[in-house]
Amino acid sequence: PEGDVGVIGISDFAQSELGDVVYVELPEVGSTLEKGETFGVVESVKAASDVYSPVSGEVIETNTVLSDEPALVNSSPFEKGWMLKVKLSNPSDLDSLMDSKAYSSHIEEH
């Protein structure tokens, strides 16, 4: 996060499971997100998948580049393939998120 702003995208593991991303649907700037609720859709050559928000807050920016270059979700999920920036309404939402080490352990177990 950048202060009270969180950057949301999908993990490298998720993009690899999806396969080649061909379309990304994101909410409008100004939309309100609720933790655990769907905020968009990622379509790949394999399937369409809902994307869920890990935090509650207001969408303050979307990655408009993804409308023309959805494959950035695959090639650069953490840098260029981010989806949203959200002004957190409840910064304590971050406390329940996994860091990369915990996430790696989680996906290995499942």
Foldseek 3Di string as FASTA:
>chain_A
DPVQKDWAFDDLVVDVVQAQWDAKFADDQFDWAAAQDFGIWTHGPVGIDTDGHLATFGFHDFLPVCHVVVRCCNVPVPPNNIGTMGRGPDVCSVVPDDDPVVVVVVVVVD
